[in-house]
Each structure stands twice: as C-alpha cells, then as structure tokens.
Amino acid sequence: MRSHRSLVGACLAVVIATAAGCSTPAAVGPGSAPNGPTDTGPLPRSLTPAEDARLLYAEDLIVHACMARSGLRFVAEPLAASSRPAAEQRYGTADVAAARAHGYGYSETPAGQRRADATSPDPNEAYQRTLSPDAQGDYETALYGTPDSRPQVELPDGQGLVIATEGCVAQARKRLYGDDLRGYLISQHVAANLEGHIAQDVRDAKAYRSALRGWRTCMANRGFSFATPQEAGQGGRTAAHKDGRAAEIRVATADAECGRDHRLLTTAVALEQDRFADTGPELTGWIREFRTRRLAALPKARELIRARELTRLNVSGRSYARDREH
C-alpha cells in the first residue's frame, strides 16, 4: 500500500518508507518473517480501498493537529479512493455494470479530494520543498521524532525496520492502532510483502497467464492493445484526461467484459486463496494482526472524520452568519 504522505528529505528506513512510497522492500516468502502471532483460523477480510483511504485521512487529521500545536503546517485532506476492490486492482475486473456506469472512476473524483494513487500532488511535499534545510530538519523531527527515538528492528529477510516511536506520525498510529507500534509496523511490513509475493505468484501461474492471453485477444478485437489490466487502467486514465468520461468508460467496459468472458478475476482469486492456504501460520499470523488492527481502527477513524466535518460546518455557519450581518 502506498500512502500519500511524503517523507521530508530522504527515506529514513523501510517502515518510514512505507509512508513515503520509496523503494519497495524485498518480497517476504515462507520462513522469512520474524517470530510473531500464529493462528490457523480464517483470515479477516482485507480493507476496501475506500476504508484504506479513510484510515489515511484519519491519520493525517491527527498529524495535522499535532503539527499545529508546534506551529507547523500539515495539510490533511480526504482522498478519493477507487471503488474497485483490491483484488480487481491487482488482477483485473469483471464488474461490467460498474465499468459502464463509472469507468475506472478517474472522471468522478469528488471536489476537494485527491486521488490516493499518486496522480495528484501532495501539498505537504510541495510545502516541504519551500523550507530551508534547517527548517526541513525541524519539520522531520516534528513528524518522526529525533533520530535517537527511532529504534531499528532487524527482520530475518535482511530488512532494517526503523520504528518512529515519537513525533506526530507515531502519535497518530498509536491512537488508531494501539501502543504496540513495533507489532503493528512489523505486521504492516510482512503483510505488504507477502501479499505482493503471492500476487506475483498468481500472475506467473499458468492458469492466470492463459486467462490473460484470452483477455488480450478480446481487448485487441475491440481496438485496445494493452498487455495487462493495469495498463488498461492507465489507458483509461489517459483517455479520461484527454477525451473525457465517455472515452474512459469505453476502455473500462471493454476491460471488464473481456475479464468476465475469460474469467480473469475468478481464476486469480482461486489461485490467491490456494497460495494463502499454503502459507505457514507464522506469516498468516502477521497478516491477521495487521488486518485486525486496521478493521478495529475504522470506528475511530469515522469518529475523527465526523468531528472534522462538524467543525467545518460550524465554521462555515459562523462565517455565513457574519456575512449576513454585514
């Protein structure tokens, strides 16, 4: 998962880099996770893209308030997330009705929101670049604490996991996910890497590659020469920007219809379930912990966002009343 929050200066380390979208850590495979929770029960569901965006916004609201107490600027704004489930974004869609109605959603980003897929500039990154080197250092310390407050945990896969235990980002994560930042951030790291590792296995599987060939032929017959559904999505975004919503919908509809006809998503999901079933309980234990903590954080995030919206409404109401008086 790539957060929209950008890091001040260079990436500090793997866990902090997960907030900045820096280099991707090496894939975690069987036997390469640290000792952690083990359980053989069913995995909790993964969050939808909209729920992920809600948690990111809630984190940023906490960071915004924390930075403001130090007299520093940090913009928190809602993100417009894709309505497509994560599995569809990884492997391709078969939701023809949604494609015909909404395309990929690029033309429907609500006013006042930025997309969570790096297609919109980050105002905090832009602001950070205007600061002097000394001010950038102060800003980084406010976000992540001093270097002495960032202990490193070495993972068996060779990655160095730096955990920011102080600063506004740590405060936000503790408030949402609990005081055990080490456990949460290790589970985040393992989950992201294992899910990526499994997704690549699925895309390399013979059954998926066969379905993908059928999808490509189907798309070519409709006038589109995309190699993967991900390329089709990028093509839809380009079409939306160049030629408008109708052009985006044409690409998305062809993508979904070809995916449905060649069982691209159905094949991928079945393969993915098999891969998770073959994964040892230690790795799936970390995924369970990560998903459980994030699901538990959703009510807190909703309350934070609701309070923010009520504050905005009250401020707007007072401004309107003052304007009427004058």
Protein backbone atom coordinates (compact mmCIF):
# COMPACT_ATOMS: atom_id res chain seq x y z
CA MET A 1 0.00 0.00 0.00
CA ARG A 2 1.36 3.37 -0.94
CA SER A 3 0.43 6.21 1.39
CA HIS A 4 0.13 9.71 0.03
CA ARG A 5 2.17 11.11 2.94
CA SER A 6 5.61 12.10 1.70
CA LEU A 7 8.75 11.98 3.74
CA VAL A 8 10.81 15.09 4.40
CA GLY A 9 14.12 14.52 2.65
CA ALA A 10 15.46 11.03 2.02
CA CYS A 11 13.73 7.86 3.17
CA LEU A 12 14.71 7.01 6.73
CA ALA A 13 14.15 3.25 6.54
CA VAL A 14 11.74 0.56 5.47
CA VAL A 15 8.82 1.25 7.79
CA ILE A 16 9.03 5.00 7.44
CA ALA A 17 9.43 4.45 3.71
CA THR A 18 6.04 2.77 3.66
CA ALA A 19 4.63 6.17 4.38
CA ALA A 20 6.62 7.75 1.59
CA GLY A 21 6.32 5.27 -1.23
CA CYS A 22 10.08 4.89 -1.53
CA SER A 23 11.92 1.73 -2.54
CA THR A 24 9.92 -1.47 -2.24
CA PRO A 25 11.35 -3.96 0.30
CA ALA A 26 12.35 -7.41 -0.84
CA ALA A 27 9.50 -9.86 -1.05
CA VAL A 28 8.78 -11.88 2.06
CA GLY A 29 8.46 -15.55 1.32
CA PRO A 30 7.78 -18.57 3.51
CA GLY A 31 10.04 -18.71 6.54
CA SER A 32 11.34 -15.16 6.22
CA ALA A 33 9.19 -13.34 8.76
CA PRO A 34 10.14 -12.62 12.39
CA ASN A 35 8.61 -14.62 15.19
CA GLY A 36 5.09 -13.34 15.68
CA PRO A 37 1.48 -14.27 16.25
CA THR A 38 0.39 -17.64 14.96
CA ASP A 39 -3.16 -18.81 14.37
CA THR A 40 -4.69 -21.20 11.90
CA GLY A 41 -8.17 -19.64 11.85
CA PRO A 42 -9.63 -17.85 8.84
CA LEU A 43 -8.06 -14.53 7.90
CA PRO A 44 -10.08 -11.38 8.50
CA ARG A 45 -11.09 -9.60 5.33
CA SER A 46 -8.77 -7.00 3.87
CA LEU A 47 -9.90 -3.40 3.86
CA THR A 48 -11.51 -1.90 0.79
CA PRO A 49 -9.68 0.95 -0.97
CA ALA A 50 -12.25 3.37 0.47
CA GLU A 51 -11.55 2.10 4.00
CA ASP A 52 -7.81 2.39 3.45
CA ALA A 53 -8.31 5.98 2.30
CA ARG A 54 -10.42 6.68 5.39
CA LEU A 55 -7.66 5.46 7.70
CA LEU A 56 -5.04 7.52 5.87
CA TYR A 57 -7.22 10.61 6.21
CA ALA A 58 -7.76 9.94 9.92
CA GLU A 59 -4.00 9.54 10.42
CA ASP A 60 -3.44 12.84 8.68
CA LEU A 61 -6.08 14.60 10.78
CA ILE A 62 -4.21 13.54 13.91
CA VAL A 63 -0.87 14.57 12.40
CA HIS A 64 -2.37 17.92 11.35
CA ALA A 65 -3.49 18.71 14.91
CA CYS A 66 -0.17 17.54 16.36
CA MET A 67 1.91 19.62 13.95
CA ALA A 68 -0.30 22.66 14.54
CA ARG A 69 0.49 22.50 18.26
CA SER A 70 4.14 23.04 17.28
CA GLY A 71 3.22 25.89 14.96
CA LEU A 72 3.91 23.80 11.86
CA ARG A 73 1.78 23.30 8.77
CA PHE A 74 0.47 19.91 7.71
CA VAL A 75 -2.45 19.66 5.31
CA ALA A 76 -4.96 16.88 5.92
CA GLU A 77 -7.44 16.31 3.12
CA PRO A 78 -9.67 13.40 2.16
CA LEU A 79 -8.57 11.03 -0.55
CA ALA A 80 -10.74 9.81 -3.38
CA ALA A 81 -10.12 6.07 -3.50
CA SER A 82 -11.00 3.69 -6.26
CA SER A 83 -14.27 1.89 -5.63
CA ARG A 84 -12.79 -1.27 -7.16
CA PRO A 85 -11.86 -3.97 -4.62
CA ALA A 86 -8.16 -4.61 -4.09
CA ALA A 87 -8.29 -7.97 -5.91
CA GLU A 88 -9.69 -6.27 -9.00
CA GLN A 89 -6.92 -3.69 -8.93
CA ARG A 90 -4.31 -6.47 -8.75
CA TYR A 91 -5.69 -8.84 -11.36
CA GLY A 92 -8.42 -7.23 -13.43
CA THR A 93 -12.10 -6.52 -13.15
CA ALA A 94 -15.25 -8.35 -14.18
CA ASP A 95 -17.78 -5.78 -12.91
CA VAL A 96 -19.32 -4.78 -16.20
CA ALA A 97 -22.15 -2.77 -14.66
CA ALA A 98 -19.76 -0.59 -12.65
CA ALA A 99 -17.50 -0.09 -15.66
CA ARG A 100 -20.41 1.03 -17.84
CA ALA A 101 -21.64 3.43 -15.19
CA HIS A 102 -18.40 4.82 -13.76
CA GLY A 103 -15.44 3.69 -15.87
CA TYR A 104 -12.41 3.48 -13.60
CA GLY A 105 -13.61 6.45 -11.55
CA TYR A 106 -10.97 8.89 -12.79
CA SER A 107 -13.60 11.31 -14.06
CA GLU A 108 -15.55 11.21 -10.80
CA THR A 109 -13.06 12.38 -8.17
CA PRO A 110 -15.18 14.41 -5.73
CA ALA A 111 -14.44 18.10 -5.38
CA GLY A 112 -11.95 18.81 -2.62
CA GLN A 113 -10.43 15.33 -2.71
CA ARG A 114 -7.20 14.00 -4.16
CA ARG A 115 -6.78 10.54 -5.58
CA ALA A 116 -4.80 8.09 -3.47
CA ASP A 117 -2.86 6.67 -6.42
CA ALA A 118 -0.14 9.35 -6.74
CA THR A 119 -1.91 11.07 -9.64
CA SER A 120 -2.41 14.21 -7.51
CA PRO A 121 0.39 16.29 -6.00
CA ASP A 122 0.95 16.10 -2.25
CA PRO A 123 0.62 19.61 -0.75
CA ASN A 124 2.85 18.68 2.18
CA GLU A 125 5.65 17.58 -0.11
CA ALA A 126 5.31 20.83 -2.05
CA TYR A 127 5.39 22.83 1.18
CA GLN A 128 8.41 20.92 2.49
CA ARG A 129 10.40 21.84 -0.60
CA THR A 130 9.93 25.54 0.19
CA LEU A 131 11.65 25.21 3.59
CA SER A 132 15.29 25.89 4.36
CA PRO A 133 17.47 22.85 5.17
CA ASP A 134 17.32 23.66 8.89
CA ALA A 135 13.54 24.07 8.78
CA GLN A 136 13.23 20.79 6.91
CA GLY A 137 15.13 19.11 9.75
CA ASP A 138 12.79 20.62 12.33
CA TYR A 139 9.79 19.52 10.30
CA GLU A 140 11.11 15.96 10.02
CA THR A 141 11.74 15.82 13.76
CA ALA A 142 8.21 17.01 14.47
CA LEU A 143 6.83 14.29 12.19
CA TYR A 144 9.06 11.37 13.18
CA GLY A 145 10.88 12.33 16.39
CA THR A 146 14.61 12.61 16.87
CA PRO A 147 16.96 10.01 15.36
CA ASP A 148 17.53 8.60 18.87
CA SER A 149 13.80 7.82 19.15
CA ARG A 150 13.80 5.64 16.03
CA PRO A 151 14.95 2.16 17.10
CA GLN A 152 15.77 -0.34 14.39
CA VAL A 153 14.39 -3.86 14.34
CA GLU A 154 16.26 -6.29 12.10
CA LEU A 155 14.00 -8.67 10.21
CA PRO A 156 15.07 -12.16 9.12
CA ASP A 157 14.66 -11.15 5.47
CA GLY A 158 17.53 -8.71 5.96
CA GLN A 159 15.48 -5.53 6.04
CA GLY A 160 16.15 -2.86 8.65
CA LEU A 161 12.88 -1.77 10.22
CA VAL A 162 13.11 1.71 11.74
CA ILE A 163 10.22 2.50 14.06
CA ALA A 164 9.42 6.13 14.80
CA THR A 165 8.32 5.97 18.43
CA GLU A 166 7.95 9.73 18.86
CA GLY A 167 6.64 12.55 16.73
CA CYS A 168 3.27 13.22 15.19
CA VAL A 169 3.19 10.17 12.91
CA ALA A 170 3.82 7.83 15.86
CA GLN A 171 1.14 9.63 17.86
CA ALA A 172 -1.37 9.11 15.04
CA ARG A 173 -0.57 5.42 14.66
CA LYS A 174 -0.75 4.75 18.39
CA ARG A 175 -4.11 6.45 18.63
CA LEU A 176 -5.56 4.41 15.78
CA TYR A 177 -3.76 1.06 16.01
CA GLY A 178 -2.60 0.75 19.62
CA ASP A 179 0.53 1.45 21.63
CA ASP A 180 2.50 -1.53 20.28
CA LEU A 181 3.98 0.22 17.26
CA ARG A 182 6.59 -2.49 16.81
CA GLY A 183 3.95 -5.17 16.38
CA TYR A 184 1.79 -3.05 14.12
CA LEU A 185 4.60 -1.92 11.83
CA ILE A 186 6.14 -5.38 11.53
CA SER A 187 2.71 -6.76 10.65
CA GLN A 188 2.31 -3.98 8.06
CA HIS A 189 5.68 -4.82 6.52
CA VAL A 190 5.07 -8.57 6.43
CA ALA A 191 1.52 -8.22 5.11
CA ALA A 192 2.50 -5.86 2.30
CA ASN A 193 5.41 -8.03 1.21
CA LEU A 194 3.62 -11.35 1.48
CA GLU A 195 0.56 -10.09 -0.37
CA GLY A 196 2.84 -8.73 -3.10
CA HIS A 197 4.75 -12.02 -3.24
CA ILE A 198 1.53 -14.02 -3.58
CA ALA A 199 0.13 -11.61 -6.18
CA GLN A 200 3.25 -12.12 -8.31
CA ASP A 201 2.91 -15.91 -7.94
CA VAL A 202 -0.68 -15.63 -9.14
CA ARG A 203 0.28 -13.53 -12.16
CA ASP A 204 3.02 -16.06 -13.02
CA ALA A 205 0.68 -19.06 -12.72
CA LYS A 206 -0.14 -20.95 -15.91
CA ALA A 207 -3.90 -20.69 -15.39
CA TYR A 208 -3.77 -16.92 -14.95
CA ARG A 209 -1.44 -16.41 -17.92
CA SER A 210 -3.83 -18.45 -20.06
CA ALA A 211 -6.78 -16.31 -18.99
CA LEU A 212 -4.70 -13.18 -19.59
CA ARG A 213 -3.94 -14.24 -23.18
CA GLY A 214 -7.66 -14.58 -23.79
CA TRP A 215 -8.23 -11.14 -22.27
CA ARG A 216 -5.56 -9.59 -24.52
CA THR A 217 -7.07 -11.11 -27.65
CA CYS A 218 -10.50 -9.90 -26.61
CA MET A 219 -9.19 -6.37 -25.98
CA ALA A 220 -7.33 -6.35 -29.30
CA ASN A 221 -10.54 -7.29 -31.10
CA ARG A 222 -12.08 -4.17 -29.55
CA GLY A 223 -9.23 -1.94 -30.67
CA PHE A 224 -7.14 -1.84 -27.49
CA SER A 225 -3.57 -3.16 -27.34
CA PHE A 226 -2.96 -3.33 -23.58
CA ALA A 227 -0.77 -6.09 -22.15
CA THR A 228 -2.39 -6.18 -18.69
CA PRO A 229 -5.48 -4.86 -16.91
CA GLN A 230 -3.18 -2.43 -15.09
CA GLU A 231 -2.11 -0.98 -18.44
CA ALA A 232 -5.78 -0.75 -19.40
CA GLY A 233 -6.44 1.22 -16.23
CA GLN A 234 -3.63 3.63 -17.09
CA GLY A 235 -5.03 3.88 -20.60
CA GLY A 236 -8.42 4.70 -19.12
CA ARG A 237 -6.88 7.46 -17.03
CA THR A 238 -5.17 8.92 -20.09
CA ALA A 239 -8.42 8.70 -22.05
CA ALA A 240 -10.28 10.48 -19.25
CA HIS A 241 -7.78 13.34 -19.21
CA LYS A 242 -7.57 13.69 -22.99
CA ASP A 243 -11.03 12.87 -24.25
CA GLY A 244 -13.33 12.83 -21.25
CA ARG A 245 -15.50 10.44 -19.32
CA ALA A 246 -17.07 8.64 -22.29
CA ALA A 247 -13.62 7.61 -23.58
CA GLU A 248 -12.65 6.30 -20.15
CA ILE A 249 -15.87 4.29 -19.94
CA ARG A 250 -15.20 2.67 -23.32
CA VAL A 251 -11.84 1.36 -22.13
CA ALA A 252 -13.19 0.24 -18.75
CA THR A 253 -16.19 -1.52 -20.28
CA ALA A 254 -14.04 -3.46 -22.74
CA ASP A 255 -11.67 -4.37 -19.89
CA ALA A 256 -14.49 -5.65 -17.67
CA GLU A 257 -16.31 -7.53 -20.41
CA CYS A 258 -13.13 -9.27 -21.55
CA GLY A 259 -12.24 -10.05 -17.94
CA ARG A 260 -15.66 -11.56 -17.37
CA ASP A 261 -15.63 -13.58 -20.60
CA HIS A 262 -12.20 -15.06 -19.88
CA ARG A 263 -12.65 -15.49 -16.11
CA LEU A 264 -9.55 -13.45 -15.36
CA LEU A 265 -10.53 -12.33 -11.85
CA THR A 266 -12.22 -15.61 -10.92
CA THR A 267 -9.08 -17.53 -11.87
CA ALA A 268 -6.83 -15.13 -9.95
CA VAL A 269 -8.89 -15.19 -6.75
CA ALA A 270 -8.94 -19.00 -6.70
CA LEU A 271 -5.18 -19.11 -7.19
CA GLU A 272 -4.66 -16.50 -4.48
CA GLN A 273 -6.72 -18.48 -1.99
CA ASP A 274 -4.63 -21.55 -2.74
CA ARG A 275 -1.40 -19.61 -2.17
CA PHE A 276 -2.61 -18.24 1.16
CA ALA A 277 -3.67 -21.75 2.22
CA ASP A 278 -0.11 -22.95 1.53
CA THR A 279 1.44 -20.16 3.63
CA GLY A 280 2.67 -21.07 7.09
CA PRO A 281 0.77 -19.92 10.20
CA GLU A 282 3.56 -17.57 11.27
CA LEU A 283 3.22 -15.41 8.19
CA THR A 284 -0.55 -15.51 8.12
CA GLY A 285 -0.49 -14.63 11.82
CA TRP A 286 1.13 -11.31 10.99
CA ILE A 287 -1.42 -10.67 8.23
CA ARG A 288 -4.20 -11.47 10.69
CA GLU A 289 -2.76 -9.00 13.19
CA PHE A 290 -2.43 -6.26 10.57
CA ARG A 291 -5.95 -6.67 9.20
CA THR A 292 -7.46 -7.00 12.68
CA ARG A 293 -5.85 -3.79 13.90
CA ARG A 294 -6.95 -1.84 10.84
CA LEU A 295 -10.51 -3.13 11.00
CA ALA A 296 -10.63 -2.17 14.69
CA ALA A 297 -9.36 1.33 13.81
CA LEU A 298 -12.19 2.07 11.38
CA PRO A 299 -14.73 3.26 14.01
CA LYS A 300 -12.08 5.59 15.48
CA ALA A 301 -11.35 6.94 12.01
CA ARG A 302 -15.03 7.50 11.28
CA GLU A 303 -15.43 9.45 14.53
CA LEU A 304 -12.39 11.61 13.80
CA ILE A 305 -13.63 12.41 10.31
CA ARG A 306 -17.15 13.09 11.59
CA ALA A 307 -15.79 15.54 14.18
CA ARG A 308 -13.75 17.24 11.47
CA GLU A 309 -16.81 17.64 9.25
CA LEU A 310 -18.89 19.02 12.13
CA THR A 311 -16.16 21.55 12.87
CA ARG A 312 -16.11 22.63 9.24
CA LEU A 313 -19.88 23.01 9.19
CA ASN A 314 -19.82 25.10 12.36
CA VAL A 315 -17.07 27.35 10.99
CA SER A 316 -18.93 27.74 7.68
CA GLY A 317 -22.14 28.55 9.57
CA ARG A 318 -20.47 31.24 11.65
CA SER A 319 -18.85 32.75 8.56
CA TYR A 320 -22.20 32.79 6.78
CA ALA A 321 -23.86 34.48 9.76
CA ARG A 322 -21.17 37.16 9.90
CA ASP A 323 -21.55 37.82 6.18
CA ARG A 324 -25.31 38.21 6.62
CA GLU A 325 -24.79 40.70 9.45
CA HIS A 326 -22.64 42.86 7.22
